[in-house]
Amino acid sequence: TCAGLYDQLAPHIFSATQVSRGKPAPDLFLFAAEQMKVQPAQCLVIEDSVPGVTGGRAAGMTVLGFHGGSHCQPGHAEMLRAAGAAVTFDDMQTLPDLIARVGRKADQTSTA
């Protein structure tokens, strides 16, 4: 609630308390996709942790790795990419363009 996004995101907020296994297991990501009636391959995950990237990839989802948080040390982007992040970024203002780019790439793949 501190970011002021709750009203925009509710009721689509999911927690590890809703599944038996947390990250790096894919359970939470698969649960969220199921609840939203979306195929995992159509999902995009934004993650800042290696367990999160690992879980998102294990769920069959595309993952963008965020390494701009104050907790991220040098080399964090490389760790996220090694875990399977398709793209890494450090500025949330670039996120809309990244999402559009990933969407265009998915469209090209599905029509090829």
PDB file of N, CA and C in Angstrom:
ATOM      1  N   THR A   1       0.809  -1.204   0.000  1.00  0.00           N
ATOM      2  CA  THR A   1       0.000   0.000   0.000  1.00  0.00           C
ATOM      3  C   THR A   1       0.851   1.267   0.000  1.00  0.00           C
ATOM      4  N   CYS A   2       2.122   1.169   0.363  1.00  0.00           N
ATOM      5  CA  CYS A   2       2.947   2.376   0.435  1.00  0.00           C
ATOM      6  C   CYS A   2       3.204   2.977  -0.944  1.00  0.00           C
ATOM      7  N   ALA A   3       3.106   2.192  -2.006  1.00  0.00           N
ATOM      8  CA  ALA A   3       3.310   2.713  -3.357  1.00  0.00           C
ATOM      9  C   ALA A   3       2.034   3.270  -3.961  1.00  0.00           C
ATOM     10  N   GLY A   4       0.901   3.079  -3.278  1.00  0.00           N
ATOM     11  CA  GLY A   4      -0.362   3.595  -3.780  1.00  0.00           C
ATOM     12  C   GLY A   4      -0.940   2.801  -4.935  1.00  0.00           C
ATOM     13  N   LEU A   5      -0.519   1.556  -5.099  1.00  0.00           N
ATOM     14  CA  LEU A   5      -0.980   0.745  -6.226  1.00  0.00           C
ATOM     15  C   LEU A   5      -2.041  -0.284  -5.854  1.00  0.00           C
ATOM     16  N   TYR A   6      -2.326  -0.434  -4.588  1.00  0.00           N
ATOM     17  CA  TYR A   6      -3.239  -1.490  -4.164  1.00  0.00           C
ATOM     18  C   TYR A   6      -4.568  -1.440  -4.913  1.00  0.00           C
ATOM     19  N   ASP A   7      -5.190  -0.280  -4.982  1.00  0.00           N
ATOM     20  CA  ASP A   7      -6.501  -0.175  -5.627  1.00  0.00           C
ATOM     21  C   ASP A   7      -6.436  -0.518  -7.114  1.00  0.00           C
ATOM     22  N   GLN A   8      -5.296  -0.269  -7.749  1.00  0.00           N
ATOM     23  CA  GLN A   8      -5.157  -0.589  -9.169  1.00  0.00           C
ATOM     24  C   GLN A   8      -4.916  -2.079  -9.401  1.00  0.00           C
ATOM     25  N   LEU A   9      -4.319  -2.746  -8.421  1.00  0.00           N
ATOM     26  CA  LEU A   9      -3.943  -4.142  -8.614  1.00  0.00           C
ATOM     27  C   LEU A   9      -4.910  -5.146  -7.998  1.00  0.00           C
ATOM     28  N   ALA A  10      -5.558  -4.775  -6.916  1.00  0.00           N
ATOM     29  CA  ALA A  10      -6.494  -5.686  -6.253  1.00  0.00           C
ATOM     30  C   ALA A  10      -7.636  -6.019  -7.206  1.00  0.00           C
ATOM     31  N   PRO A  11      -8.106  -7.213  -7.253  1.00  0.00           N
ATOM     32  CA  PRO A  11      -7.821  -8.360  -6.394  1.00  0.00           C
ATOM     33  C   PRO A  11      -6.713  -9.262  -6.931  1.00  0.00           C
ATOM     34  N   HIS A  12      -5.926  -8.789  -7.861  1.00  0.00           N
ATOM     35  CA  HIS A  12      -4.892  -9.616  -8.491  1.00  0.00           C
ATOM     36  C   HIS A  12      -3.554  -9.482  -7.785  1.00  0.00           C
ATOM     37  N   ILE A  13      -3.574  -9.697  -6.486  1.00  0.00           N
ATOM     38  CA  ILE A  13      -2.363  -9.680  -5.675  1.00  0.00           C
ATOM     39  C   ILE A  13      -2.238 -11.070  -5.074  1.00  0.00           C
ATOM     40  N   PHE A  14      -1.094 -11.690  -5.304  1.00  0.00           N
ATOM     41  CA  PHE A  14      -0.908 -13.070  -4.881  1.00  0.00           C
ATOM     42  C   PHE A  14       0.305 -13.156  -3.960  1.00  0.00           C
ATOM     43  N   SER A  15       0.259 -14.111  -3.048  1.00  0.00           N
ATOM     44  CA  SER A  15       1.285 -14.256  -2.032  1.00  0.00           C
ATOM     45  C   SER A  15       1.709 -15.709  -1.905  1.00  0.00           C
ATOM     46  N   ALA A  16       2.927 -15.917  -1.468  1.00  0.00           N
ATOM     47  CA  ALA A  16       3.430 -17.274  -1.249  1.00  0.00           C
ATOM     48  C   ALA A  16       2.611 -18.015  -0.201  1.00  0.00           C
ATOM     49  N   THR A  17       1.865 -17.283   0.612  1.00  0.00           N
ATOM     50  CA  THR A  17       1.014 -17.944   1.609  1.00  0.00           C
ATOM     51  C   THR A  17      -0.137 -18.697   0.946  1.00  0.00           C
ATOM     52  N   GLN A  18      -0.386 -18.455  -0.335  1.00  0.00           N
ATOM     53  CA  GLN A  18      -1.487 -19.099  -1.047  1.00  0.00           C
ATOM     54  C   GLN A  18      -1.083 -20.403  -1.725  1.00  0.00           C
ATOM     55  N   VAL A  19       0.199 -20.749  -1.674  1.00  0.00           N
ATOM     56  CA  VAL A  19       0.688 -21.971  -2.316  1.00  0.00           C
ATOM     57  C   VAL A  19       1.524 -22.767  -1.317  1.00  0.00           C
ATOM     58  N   SER A  20       1.721 -24.036  -1.616  1.00  0.00           N
ATOM     59  CA  SER A  20       2.482 -24.872  -0.676  1.00  0.00           C
ATOM     60  C   SER A  20       3.982 -24.629  -0.752  1.00  0.00           C
ATOM     61  N   ARG A  21       4.484 -24.253  -1.922  1.00  0.00           N
ATOM     62  CA  ARG A  21       5.931 -24.013  -2.076  1.00  0.00           C
ATOM     63  C   ARG A  21       6.162 -22.609  -2.618  1.00  0.00           C
ATOM     64  N   GLY A  22       7.034 -21.870  -1.970  1.00  0.00           N
ATOM     65  CA  GLY A  22       7.391 -20.530  -2.432  1.00  0.00           C
ATOM     66  C   GLY A  22       8.518 -20.581  -3.451  1.00  0.00           C
ATOM     67  N   LYS A  23       8.989 -19.405  -3.853  1.00  0.00           N
ATOM     68  CA  LYS A  23      10.091 -19.312  -4.804  1.00  0.00           C
ATOM     69  C   LYS A  23      11.306 -20.017  -4.216  1.00  0.00           C
ATOM     70  N   PRO A  24      12.052 -20.724  -5.008  1.00  0.00           N
ATOM     71  CA  PRO A  24      12.126 -20.734  -6.468  1.00  0.00           C
ATOM     72  C   PRO A  24      11.169 -21.709  -7.165  1.00  0.00           C
ATOM     73  N   ALA A  25      10.308 -22.376  -6.414  1.00  0.00           N
ATOM     74  CA  ALA A  25       9.312 -23.235  -7.056  1.00  0.00           C
ATOM     75  C   ALA A  25       8.385 -22.363  -7.913  1.00  0.00           C
ATOM     76  N   PRO A  26       7.835 -22.903  -8.978  1.00  0.00           N
ATOM     77  CA  PRO A  26       6.967 -22.128  -9.867  1.00  0.00           C
ATOM     78  C   PRO A  26       5.533 -21.971  -9.360  1.00  0.00           C
ATOM     79  N   ASP A  27       5.222 -22.531  -8.197  1.00  0.00           N
ATOM     80  CA  ASP A  27       3.839 -22.620  -7.729  1.00  0.00           C
ATOM     81  C   ASP A  27       3.097 -21.288  -7.706  1.00  0.00           C
ATOM     82  N   LEU A  28       3.712 -20.255  -7.165  1.00  0.00           N
ATOM     83  CA  LEU A  28       3.033 -18.964  -7.054  1.00  0.00           C
ATOM     84  C   LEU A  28       2.736 -18.374  -8.428  1.00  0.00           C
ATOM     85  N   PHE A  29       3.676 -18.492  -9.336  1.00  0.00           N
ATOM     86  CA  PHE A  29       3.477 -17.953 -10.689  1.00  0.00           C
ATOM     87  C   PHE A  29       2.369 -18.711 -11.411  1.00  0.00           C
ATOM     88  N   LEU A  30       2.371 -20.020 -11.278  1.00  0.00           N
ATOM     89  CA  LEU A  30       1.324 -20.831 -11.912  1.00  0.00           C
ATOM     90  C   LEU A  30      -0.039 -20.559 -11.284  1.00  0.00           C
ATOM     91  N   PHE A  31      -0.070 -20.376  -9.976  1.00  0.00           N
ATOM     92  CA  PHE A  31      -1.319 -20.052  -9.285  1.00  0.00           C
ATOM     93  C   PHE A  31      -1.879 -18.716  -9.789  1.00  0.00           C
ATOM     94  N   ALA A  32      -1.016 -17.714  -9.906  1.00  0.00           N
ATOM     95  CA  ALA A  32      -1.463 -16.401 -10.382  1.00  0.00           C
ATOM     96  C   ALA A  32      -2.018 -16.503 -11.800  1.00  0.00           C
ATOM     97  N   ALA A  33      -1.329 -17.227 -12.672  1.00  0.00           N
ATOM     98  CA  ALA A  33      -1.811 -17.389 -14.051  1.00  0.00           C
ATOM     99  C   ALA A  33      -3.162 -18.090 -14.075  1.00  0.00           C
ATOM    100  N   GLU A  34      -3.288 -19.122 -13.259  1.00  0.00           N
ATOM    101  CA  GLU A  34      -4.556 -19.859 -13.201  1.00  0.00           C
ATOM    102  C   GLU A  34      -5.693 -18.956 -12.715  1.00  0.00           C
ATOM    103  N   GLN A  35      -5.435 -18.186 -11.680  1.00  0.00           N
ATOM    104  CA  GLN A  35      -6.455 -17.296 -11.131  1.00  0.00           C
ATOM    105  C   GLN A  35      -6.888 -16.240 -12.148  1.00  0.00           C
ATOM    106  N   MET A  36      -5.958 -15.820 -12.978  1.00  0.00           N
ATOM    107  CA  MET A  36      -6.260 -14.790 -13.972  1.00  0.00           C
ATOM    108  C   MET A  36      -6.682 -15.383 -15.318  1.00  0.00           C
ATOM    109  N   LYS A  37      -6.734 -16.719 -15.365  1.00  0.00           N
ATOM    110  CA  LYS A  37      -7.171 -17.442 -16.568  1.00  0.00           C
ATOM    111  C   LYS A  37      -6.303 -17.101 -17.787  1.00  0.00           C
ATOM    112  N   VAL A  38      -4.987 -17.161 -17.556  1.00  0.00           N
ATOM    113  CA  VAL A  38      -4.010 -16.865 -18.603  1.00  0.00           C
ATOM    114  C   VAL A  38      -3.016 -18.013 -18.672  1.00  0.00           C
ATOM    115  N   GLN A  39      -2.639 -18.400 -19.869  1.00  0.00           N
ATOM    116  CA  GLN A  39      -1.627 -19.438 -20.031  1.00  0.00           C
ATOM    117  C   GLN A  39      -0.267 -18.906 -19.560  1.00  0.00           C
ATOM    118  N   PRO A  40       0.516 -19.708 -18.858  1.00  0.00           N
ATOM    119  CA  PRO A  40       1.823 -19.246 -18.372  1.00  0.00           C
ATOM    120  C   PRO A  40       2.712 -18.646 -19.461  1.00  0.00           C
ATOM    121  N   ALA A  41       2.688 -19.212 -20.651  1.00  0.00           N
ATOM    122  CA  ALA A  41       3.531 -18.694 -21.740  1.00  0.00           C
ATOM    123  C   ALA A  41       3.149 -17.272 -22.143  1.00  0.00           C
ATOM    124  N   GLN A  42       1.963 -16.831 -21.780  1.00  0.00           N
ATOM    125  CA  GLN A  42       1.504 -15.485 -22.095  1.00  0.00           C
ATOM    126  C   GLN A  42       1.798 -14.485 -20.973  1.00  0.00           C
ATOM    127  N   CYS A  43       2.443 -14.958 -19.913  1.00  0.00           N
ATOM    128  CA  CYS A  43       2.695 -14.113 -18.741  1.00  0.00           C
ATOM    129  C   CYS A  43       4.082 -13.479 -18.790  1.00  0.00           C
ATOM    130  N   LEU A  44       4.161 -12.311 -18.213  1.00  0.00           N
ATOM    131  CA  LEU A  44       5.420 -11.590 -18.077  1.00  0.00           C
ATOM    132  C   LEU A  44       5.647 -11.339 -16.597  1.00  0.00           C
ATOM    133  N   VAL A  45       6.799 -11.746 -16.103  1.00  0.00           N
ATOM    134  CA  VAL A  45       7.161 -11.604 -14.701  1.00  0.00           C
ATOM    135  C   VAL A  45       8.229 -10.528 -14.579  1.00  0.00           C
ATOM    136  N   ILE A  46       8.079  -9.651 -13.589  1.00  0.00           N
ATOM    137  CA  ILE A  46       9.099  -8.671 -13.250  1.00  0.00           C
ATOM    138  C   ILE A  46       9.661  -9.115 -11.904  1.00  0.00           C
ATOM    139  N   GLU A  47      10.932  -9.432 -11.851  1.00  0.00           N
ATOM    140  CA  GLU A  47      11.539  -9.981 -10.639  1.00  0.00           C
ATOM    141  C   GLU A  47      12.864  -9.303 -10.334  1.00  0.00           C
ATOM    142  N   ASP A  48      13.171  -9.229  -9.031  1.00  0.00           N
ATOM    143  CA  ASP A  48      14.452  -8.665  -8.619  1.00  0.00           C
ATOM    144  C   ASP A  48      15.302  -9.673  -7.852  1.00  0.00           C
ATOM    145  N   SER A  49      14.884 -10.935  -7.852  1.00  0.00           N
ATOM    146  CA  SER A  49      15.645 -11.942  -7.111  1.00  0.00           C
ATOM    147  C   SER A  49      15.919 -13.157  -7.991  1.00  0.00           C
ATOM    148  N   VAL A  50      17.024 -13.825  -7.711  1.00  0.00           N
ATOM    149  CA  VAL A  50      17.350 -15.046  -8.440  1.00  0.00           C
ATOM    150  C   VAL A  50      16.292 -16.118  -8.205  1.00  0.00           C
ATOM    151  N   PRO A  51      15.823 -16.347  -6.952  1.00  0.00           N
ATOM    152  CA  PRO A  51      14.750 -17.339  -6.776  1.00  0.00           C
ATOM    153  C   PRO A  51      13.488 -16.978  -7.562  1.00  0.00           C
ATOM    154  N   GLY A  52      13.160 -15.703  -7.653  1.00  0.00           N
ATOM    155  CA  GLY A  52      11.992 -15.276  -8.412  1.00  0.00           C
ATOM    156  C   GLY A  52      12.149 -15.510  -9.902  1.00  0.00           C
ATOM    157  N   VAL A  53      13.322 -15.187 -10.433  1.00  0.00           N
ATOM    158  CA  VAL A  53      13.587 -15.438 -11.854  1.00  0.00           C
ATOM    159  C   VAL A  53      13.524 -16.936 -12.120  1.00  0.00           C
ATOM    160  N   THR A  54      14.134 -17.724 -11.244  1.00  0.00           N
ATOM    161  CA  THR A  54      14.132 -19.177 -11.393  1.00  0.00           C
ATOM    162  C   THR A  54      12.703 -19.720 -11.383  1.00  0.00           C
ATOM    163  N   GLY A  55      11.878 -19.244 -10.462  1.00  0.00           N
ATOM    164  CA  GLY A  55      10.493 -19.692 -10.381  1.00  0.00           C
ATOM    165  C   GLY A  55       9.672 -19.284 -11.593  1.00  0.00           C
ATOM    166  N   GLY A  56       9.841 -18.058 -12.047  1.00  0.00           N
ATOM    167  CA  GLY A  56       9.118 -17.592 -13.224  1.00  0.00           C
ATOM    168  C   GLY A  56       9.480 -18.387 -14.466  1.00  0.00           C
ATOM    169  N   ARG A  57      10.762 -18.655 -14.633  1.00  0.00           N
ATOM    170  CA  ARG A  57      11.199 -19.446 -15.791  1.00  0.00           C
ATOM    171  C   ARG A  57      10.695 -20.886 -15.684  1.00  0.00           C
ATOM    172  N   ALA A  58      10.729 -21.449 -14.466  1.00  0.00           N
ATOM    173  CA  ALA A  58      10.236 -22.815 -14.275  1.00  0.00           C
ATOM    174  C   ALA A  58       8.747 -22.917 -14.582  1.00  0.00           C
ATOM    175  N   ALA A  59       8.039 -21.810 -14.435  1.00  0.00           N
ATOM    176  CA  ALA A  59       6.613 -21.771 -14.755  1.00  0.00           C
ATOM    177  C   ALA A  59       6.374 -21.602 -16.250  1.00  0.00           C
ATOM    178  N   GLY A  60       7.433 -21.391 -17.017  1.00  0.00           N
ATOM    179  CA  GLY A  60       7.296 -21.210 -18.462  1.00  0.00           C
ATOM    180  C   GLY A  60       6.973 -19.787 -18.864  1.00  0.00           C
ATOM    181  N   MET A  61       7.314 -18.835 -18.006  1.00  0.00           N
ATOM    182  CA  MET A  61       7.006 -17.423 -18.243  1.00  0.00           C
ATOM    183  C   MET A  61       8.251 -16.656 -18.657  1.00  0.00           C
ATOM    184  N   THR A  62       8.045 -15.556 -19.353  1.00  0.00           N
ATOM    185  CA  THR A  62       9.127 -14.640 -19.674  1.00  0.00           C
ATOM    186  C   THR A  62       9.379 -13.785 -18.447  1.00  0.00           C
ATOM    187  N   VAL A  63      10.646 -13.609 -18.101  1.00  0.00           N
ATOM    188  CA  VAL A  63      11.001 -12.856 -16.902  1.00  0.00           C
ATOM    189  C   VAL A  63      11.914 -11.701 -17.260  1.00  0.00           C
ATOM    190  N   LEU A  64      11.570 -10.524 -16.753  1.00  0.00           N
ATOM    191  CA  LEU A  64      12.435  -9.359 -16.830  1.00  0.00           C
ATOM    192  C   LEU A  64      13.057  -9.176 -15.452  1.00  0.00           C
ATOM    193  N   GLY A  65      14.359  -9.002 -15.397  1.00  0.00           N
ATOM    194  CA  GLY A  65      15.060  -8.880 -14.128  1.00  0.00           C
ATOM    195  C   GLY A  65      15.360  -7.433 -13.788  1.00  0.00           C
ATOM    196  N   PHE A  66      14.854  -6.989 -12.646  1.00  0.00           N
ATOM    197  CA  PHE A  66      15.083  -5.615 -12.184  1.00  0.00           C
ATOM    198  C   PHE A  66      16.252  -5.605 -11.204  1.00  0.00           C
ATOM    199  N   HIS A  67      17.243  -4.772 -11.476  1.00  0.00           N
ATOM    200  CA  HIS A  67      18.413  -4.696 -10.606  1.00  0.00           C
ATOM    201  C   HIS A  67      18.695  -3.264 -10.155  1.00  0.00           C
ATOM    202  N   GLY A  68      17.643  -2.454 -10.051  1.00  0.00           N
ATOM    203  CA  GLY A  68      17.811  -1.066  -9.652  1.00  0.00           C
ATOM    204  C   GLY A  68      17.476  -0.777  -8.204  1.00  0.00           C
ATOM    205  N   GLY A  69      17.137  -1.788  -7.431  1.00  0.00           N
ATOM    206  CA  GLY A  69      16.793  -1.583  -6.023  1.00  0.00           C
ATOM    207  C   GLY A  69      18.036  -1.351  -5.177  1.00  0.00           C
ATOM    208  N   SER A  70      17.843  -0.713  -4.040  1.00  0.00           N
ATOM    209  CA  SER A  70      18.970  -0.411  -3.162  1.00  0.00           C
ATOM    210  C   SER A  70      19.620  -1.681  -2.614  1.00  0.00           C
ATOM    211  N   HIS A  71      18.906  -2.796  -2.634  1.00  0.00           N
ATOM    212  CA  HIS A  71      19.458  -4.061  -2.152  1.00  0.00           C
ATOM    213  C   HIS A  71      20.320  -4.766  -3.196  1.00  0.00           C
ATOM    214  N   CYS A  72      20.310  -4.273  -4.418  1.00  0.00           N
ATOM    215  CA  CYS A  72      21.035  -4.935  -5.505  1.00  0.00           C
ATOM    216  C   CYS A  72      22.495  -4.475  -5.519  1.00  0.00           C
ATOM    217  N   GLN A  73      23.374  -5.428  -5.408  1.00  0.00           N
ATOM    218  CA  GLN A  73      24.813  -5.158  -5.396  1.00  0.00           C
ATOM    219  C   GLN A  73      25.368  -5.252  -6.820  1.00  0.00           C
ATOM    220  N   PRO A  74      26.592  -4.763  -7.041  1.00  0.00           N
ATOM    221  CA  PRO A  74      27.216  -4.944  -8.359  1.00  0.00           C
ATOM    222  C   PRO A  74      27.207  -6.424  -8.750  1.00  0.00           C
ATOM    223  N   GLY A  75      26.916  -6.682 -10.004  1.00  0.00           N
ATOM    224  CA  GLY A  75      26.845  -8.045 -10.499  1.00  0.00           C
ATOM    225  C   GLY A  75      25.459  -8.670 -10.411  1.00  0.00           C
ATOM    226  N   HIS A  76      24.498  -7.943  -9.820  1.00  0.00           N
ATOM    227  CA  HIS A  76      23.147  -8.488  -9.667  1.00  0.00           C
ATOM    228  C   HIS A  76      22.485  -8.745 -11.026  1.00  0.00           C
ATOM    229  N   ALA A  77      22.676  -7.852 -11.972  1.00  0.00           N
ATOM    230  CA  ALA A  77      22.080  -8.036 -13.308  1.00  0.00           C
ATOM    231  C   ALA A  77      22.582  -9.324 -13.936  1.00  0.00           C
ATOM    232  N   GLU A  78      23.870  -9.578 -13.820  1.00  0.00           N
ATOM    233  CA  GLU A  78      24.446 -10.790 -14.390  1.00  0.00           C
ATOM    234  C   GLU A  78      23.866 -12.040 -13.727  1.00  0.00           C
ATOM    235  N   MET A  79      23.652 -11.981 -12.405  1.00  0.00           N
ATOM    236  CA  MET A  79      23.055 -13.128 -11.706  1.00  0.00           C
ATOM    237  C   MET A  79      21.624 -13.367 -12.181  1.00  0.00           C
ATOM    238  N   LEU A  80      20.858 -12.288 -12.406  1.00  0.00           N
ATOM    239  CA  LEU A  80      19.485 -12.441 -12.888  1.00  0.00           C
ATOM    240  C   LEU A  80      19.463 -13.032 -14.293  1.00  0.00           C
ATOM    241  N   ARG A  81      20.376 -12.562 -15.150  1.00  0.00           N
ATOM    242  CA  ARG A  81      20.454 -13.123 -16.510  1.00  0.00           C
ATOM    243  C   ARG A  81      20.860 -14.593 -16.464  1.00  0.00           C
ATOM    244  N   ALA A  82      21.818 -14.935 -15.599  1.00  0.00           N
ATOM    245  CA  ALA A  82      22.258 -16.332 -15.483  1.00  0.00           C
ATOM    246  C   ALA A  82      21.119 -17.223 -14.997  1.00  0.00           C
ATOM    247  N   ALA A  83      20.211 -16.665 -14.202  1.00  0.00           N
ATOM    248  CA  ALA A  83      19.055 -17.430 -13.712  1.00  0.00           C
ATOM    249  C   ALA A  83      17.970 -17.570 -14.765  1.00  0.00           C
ATOM    250  N   GLY A  84      18.065 -16.786 -15.854  1.00  0.00           N
ATOM    251  CA  GLY A  84      17.101 -16.924 -16.944  1.00  0.00           C
ATOM    252  C   GLY A  84      16.318 -15.687 -17.315  1.00  0.00           C
ATOM    253  N   ALA A  85      16.645 -14.536 -16.717  1.00  0.00           N
ATOM    254  CA  ALA A  85      15.940 -13.305 -17.101  1.00  0.00           C
ATOM    255  C   ALA A  85      16.219 -12.997 -18.568  1.00  0.00           C
ATOM    256  N   ALA A  86      15.174 -12.725 -19.324  1.00  0.00           N
ATOM    257  CA  ALA A  86      15.316 -12.424 -20.743  1.00  0.00           C
ATOM    258  C   ALA A  86      16.010 -11.086 -20.952  1.00  0.00           C
ATOM    259  N   VAL A  87      15.706 -10.148 -20.089  1.00  0.00           N
ATOM    260  CA  VAL A  87      16.253  -8.793 -20.149  1.00  0.00           C
ATOM    261  C   VAL A  87      16.418  -8.325 -18.713  1.00  0.00           C
ATOM    262  N   THR A  88      17.437  -7.517 -18.471  1.00  0.00           N
ATOM    263  CA  THR A  88      17.582  -6.897 -17.155  1.00  0.00           C
ATOM    264  C   THR A  88      17.536  -5.384 -17.332  1.00  0.00           C
ATOM    265  N   PHE A  89      17.075  -4.697 -16.285  1.00  0.00           N
ATOM    266  CA  PHE A  89      16.964  -3.243 -16.335  1.00  0.00           C
ATOM    267  C   PHE A  89      17.088  -2.694 -14.930  1.00  0.00           C
ATOM    268  N   ASP A  90      17.469  -1.410 -14.844  1.00  0.00           N
ATOM    269  CA  ASP A  90      17.677  -0.811 -13.529  1.00  0.00           C
ATOM    270  C   ASP A  90      16.869   0.456 -13.291  1.00  0.00           C
ATOM    271  N   ASP A  91      15.966   0.776 -14.216  1.00  0.00           N
ATOM    272  CA  ASP A  91      15.160   1.990 -14.095  1.00  0.00           C
ATOM    273  C   ASP A  91      13.713   1.648 -14.446  1.00  0.00           C
ATOM    274  N   MET A  92      12.833   1.754 -13.461  1.00  0.00           N
ATOM    275  CA  MET A  92      11.424   1.400 -13.687  1.00  0.00           C
ATOM    276  C   MET A  92      10.758   2.261 -14.757  1.00  0.00           C
ATOM    277  N   GLN A  93      11.314   3.428 -15.032  1.00  0.00           N
ATOM    278  CA  GLN A  93      10.729   4.259 -16.080  1.00  0.00           C
ATOM    279  C   GLN A  93      10.893   3.622 -17.457  1.00  0.00           C
ATOM    280  N   THR A  94      11.823   2.691 -17.611  1.00  0.00           N
ATOM    281  CA  THR A  94      12.016   2.006 -18.890  1.00  0.00           C
ATOM    282  C   THR A  94      11.088   0.798 -19.046  1.00  0.00           C
ATOM    283  N   LEU A  95      10.385   0.434 -17.974  1.00  0.00           N
ATOM    284  CA  LEU A  95       9.552  -0.773 -18.002  1.00  0.00           C
ATOM    285  C   LEU A  95       8.480  -0.763 -19.091  1.00  0.00           C
ATOM    286  N   PRO A  96       7.728   0.318 -19.290  1.00  0.00           N
ATOM    287  CA  PRO A  96       6.717   0.279 -20.361  1.00  0.00           C
ATOM    288  C   PRO A  96       7.313  -0.034 -21.732  1.00  0.00           C
ATOM    289  N   ASP A  97       8.469   0.536 -22.050  1.00  0.00           N
ATOM    290  CA  ASP A  97       9.102   0.240 -23.339  1.00  0.00           C
ATOM    291  C   ASP A  97       9.585  -1.199 -23.412  1.00  0.00           C
ATOM    292  N   LEU A  98      10.111  -1.715 -22.304  1.00  0.00           N
ATOM    293  CA  LEU A  98      10.548  -3.114 -22.283  1.00  0.00           C
ATOM    294  C   LEU A  98       9.371  -4.058 -22.488  1.00  0.00           C
ATOM    295  N   ILE A  99       8.265  -3.774 -21.836  1.00  0.00           N
ATOM    296  CA  ILE A  99       7.068  -4.607 -21.992  1.00  0.00           C
ATOM    297  C   ILE A  99       6.595  -4.575 -23.447  1.00  0.00           C
ATOM    298  N   ALA A 100       6.593  -3.408 -24.051  1.00  0.00           N
ATOM    299  CA  ALA A 100       6.182  -3.295 -25.453  1.00  0.00           C
ATOM    300  C   ALA A 100       7.129  -4.079 -26.357  1.00  0.00           C
ATOM    301  N   ARG A 101       8.416  -4.011 -26.076  1.00  0.00           N
ATOM    302  CA  ARG A 101       9.405  -4.727 -26.896  1.00  0.00           C
ATOM    303  C   ARG A 101       9.218  -6.235 -26.759  1.00  0.00           C
ATOM    304  N   VAL A 102       9.016  -6.719 -25.548  1.00  0.00           N
ATOM    305  CA  VAL A 102       8.786  -8.146 -25.331  1.00  0.00           C
ATOM    306  C   VAL A 102       7.495  -8.581 -26.022  1.00  0.00           C
ATOM    307  N   GLY A 103       6.466  -7.738 -25.955  1.00  0.00           N
ATOM    308  CA  GLY A 103       5.202  -8.047 -26.615  1.00  0.00           C
ATOM    309  C   GLY A 103       5.343  -8.136 -28.127  1.00  0.00           C
ATOM    310  N   ARG A 104       6.102  -7.207 -28.713  1.00  0.00           N
ATOM    311  CA  ARG A 104       6.332  -7.260 -30.170  1.00  0.00           C
ATOM    312  C   ARG A 104       7.085  -8.527 -30.558  1.00  0.00           C
ATOM    313  N   LYS A 105       8.084  -8.889 -29.753  1.00  0.00           N
ATOM    314  CA  LYS A 105       8.861 -10.091 -30.033  1.00  0.00           C
ATOM    315  C   LYS A 105       7.962 -11.331 -29.962  1.00  0.00           C
ATOM    316  N   ALA A 106       7.062 -11.374 -28.984  1.00  0.00           N
ATOM    317  CA  ALA A 106       6.136 -12.502 -28.849  1.00  0.00           C
ATOM    318  C   ALA A 106       5.187 -12.551 -30.036  1.00  0.00           C
ATOM    319  N   ASP A 107       4.710 -11.396 -30.484  1.00  0.00           N
ATOM    320  CA  ASP A 107       3.826 -11.357 -31.648  1.00  0.00           C
ATOM    321  C   ASP A 107       4.530 -11.879 -32.886  1.00  0.00           C
ATOM    322  N   GLN A 108       5.790 -11.499 -33.085  1.00  0.00           N
ATOM    323  CA  GLN A 108       6.551 -11.962 -34.241  1.00  0.00           C
ATOM    324  C   GLN A 108       6.775 -13.457 -34.189  1.00  0.00           C
ATOM    325  N   THR A 109       7.007 -13.986 -32.981  1.00  0.00           N
ATOM    326  CA  THR A 109       7.231 -15.422 -32.821  1.00  0.00           C
ATOM    327  C   THR A 109       5.955 -16.203 -33.102  1.00  0.00           C
ATOM    328  N   SER A 110       4.811 -15.690 -32.657  1.00  0.00           N
ATOM    329  CA  SER A 110       3.565 -16.439 -32.822  1.00  0.00           C
ATOM    330  C   SER A 110       3.041 -16.392 -34.260  1.00  0.00           C
ATOM    331  N   THR A 111       3.503 -15.441 -35.057  1.00  0.00           N
ATOM    332  CA  THR A 111       3.043 -15.365 -36.454  1.00  0.00           C
ATOM    333  C   THR A 111       4.065 -15.943 -37.421  1.00  0.00           C
ATOM    334  N   ALA A 112       5.213 -16.336 -36.901  1.00  0.00           N
ATOM    335  CA  ALA A 112       6.269 -16.867 -37.790  1.00  0.00           C
ATOM    336  C   ALA A 112       6.019 -18.304 -38.147  1.00  0.00           C
TER     337      ALA A 112
END
